[in-house]
C-alpha cells in the first residue's frame, strides 16, 4: 500500500508537510496517552493514532482511495482534477477523465 497523502485539520496534506508537522516527536495528550495510543509509526514516520489540533485522528490516504469527482456534468467542464496539499499547495496527484 502506497500512502498518497494524509487527511487532518479538515484538509488533505502531502507526506512532506505531514512529516514536518507530526514526526518531530511532538505529542498531543499526556505521556500515558502517548504510551498507549502511539506505539508505532507508518512508513513515513507518522505515529499511528496521532491527533490533530482538533482532536481528530490523522488519516492516511492511499493510492487506491477515491478523491475524484465522477459526476458526468462536472467532468465535462473539469476533465482534469487535482489533489493539492492544504499547506504547501503542491499538486499531490491528478486525475484526467477520458470521455
Protein backbone atom coordinates (compact mmCIF):
# COMPACT_ATOMS: atom_id res chain seq x y z
CA UNK A 1 0.00 0.00 0.00
CA UNK A 2 1.37 3.36 -1.03
CA UNK A 3 0.42 6.33 1.17
CA UNK A 4 -0.52 9.18 -1.17
CA UNK A 5 -1.35 11.88 1.40
CA UNK A 6 -2.83 12.45 4.85
CA UNK A 7 -6.12 13.98 5.96
CA UNK A 8 -6.17 16.26 9.02
CA UNK A 9 -7.35 19.74 10.01
CA UNK A 10 -10.23 19.32 7.52
CA UNK A 11 -7.86 19.20 4.53
CA UNK A 12 -5.52 16.91 2.62
CA UNK A 13 -1.77 17.28 3.12
CA UNK A 14 1.28 15.85 1.33
CA UNK A 15 3.58 13.44 3.13
CA UNK A 16 6.36 16.03 3.46
CA UNK A 17 4.16 18.60 5.22
CA UNK A 18 2.69 15.86 7.43
CA UNK A 19 6.18 14.70 8.39
CA UNK A 20 7.17 18.25 9.34
CA UNK A 21 4.07 18.57 11.50
CA UNK A 22 3.78 15.14 13.11
CA UNK A 23 7.06 13.21 13.02
CA UNK A 24 9.15 15.60 15.09
CA UNK A 25 8.34 13.95 18.40
CA UNK A 26 5.67 16.48 19.40
CA UNK A 27 2.73 14.96 21.21
CA UNK A 28 -0.90 15.74 21.83
CA UNK A 29 -2.11 14.43 25.16
CA UNK A 30 -0.50 13.06 28.30
CA UNK A 31 2.54 10.77 28.48
CA UNK A 32 0.23 7.83 29.21
CA UNK A 33 -1.75 8.64 26.05
CA UNK A 34 1.47 8.57 24.08
CA UNK A 35 2.48 5.23 25.61
CA UNK A 36 -0.87 3.57 24.84
CA UNK A 37 -2.08 5.32 21.68
CA UNK A 38 1.13 5.89 19.71
CA UNK A 39 3.04 2.61 19.80
CA UNK A 40 4.38 2.68 16.22
CA UNK A 41 4.83 4.74 13.09
CA UNK A 42 3.89 4.17 9.47
CA UNK A 43 6.35 4.05 6.56
CA UNK A 44 6.62 7.87 6.57
CA UNK A 45 7.39 8.14 10.28
CA UNK A 46 3.90 9.35 11.24
CA UNK A 47 2.67 7.95 14.55
CA UNK A 48 -0.42 5.73 14.41
CA UNK A 49 -3.29 7.24 16.40
CA UNK A 50 -1.81 10.76 16.04
CA UNK A 51 -4.39 13.50 16.65
CA UNK A 52 -4.54 16.93 15.04
CA UNK A 53 -5.21 20.15 16.97
CA UNK A 54 -8.96 19.44 16.90
CA UNK A 55 -8.51 16.01 18.48
CA UNK A 56 -9.29 14.14 15.25
CA UNK A 57 -7.05 11.32 14.10
CA UNK A 58 -4.65 11.89 11.22
CA UNK A 59 -5.75 9.54 8.42
CA UNK A 60 -3.51 8.19 5.70
CA UNK A 61 -4.92 8.35 2.17
CA UNK A 62 -3.75 5.53 -0.04
CA UNK A 63 -3.17 5.48 -3.78
CA UNK A 64 -6.39 3.49 -4.27
CA UNK A 65 -8.65 5.80 -2.19
CA UNK A 66 -11.26 7.87 -4.03
CA UNK A 67 -10.83 11.63 -4.13
CA UNK A 68 -12.07 12.43 -7.64
CA UNK A 69 -15.49 13.73 -8.65
CA UNK A 70 -17.19 11.31 -11.06
CA UNK A 71 -20.33 13.30 -11.90
CA UNK A 72 -20.52 13.46 -15.72
CA UNK A 73 -21.71 17.08 -15.81
CA UNK A 74 -18.84 18.15 -13.57
CA UNK A 75 -16.31 16.14 -15.58
CA UNK A 76 -17.50 17.73 -18.82
CA UNK A 77 -16.39 21.14 -17.51
CA UNK A 78 -13.45 19.91 -15.38
CA UNK A 79 -11.85 16.90 -17.07
CA UNK A 80 -8.62 17.21 -15.06
CA UNK A 81 -8.83 17.28 -11.29
CA UNK A 82 -6.00 17.91 -8.86
CA UNK A 83 -5.36 16.76 -5.32
CA UNK A 84 -3.28 19.51 -3.70
CA UNK A 85 -1.69 19.91 -0.28
CA UNK A 86 -3.53 22.21 2.12
CA UNK A 87 -0.21 23.56 3.44
CA UNK A 88 2.31 23.94 0.60
CA UNK A 89 -0.32 23.80 -2.20
CA UNK A 90 1.81 21.43 -4.30
CA UNK A 91 -0.11 19.01 -6.51
CA UNK A 92 -0.05 15.56 -4.92
CA UNK A 93 -1.87 13.71 -7.69
CA UNK A 94 -4.07 14.42 -10.68
CA UNK A 95 -6.84 12.61 -12.48
CA UNK A 96 -7.86 13.21 -16.08
CA UNK A 97 -11.20 11.86 -17.23
CA UNK A 98 -11.18 10.24 -20.65
CA UNK A 99 -14.51 10.88 -22.37
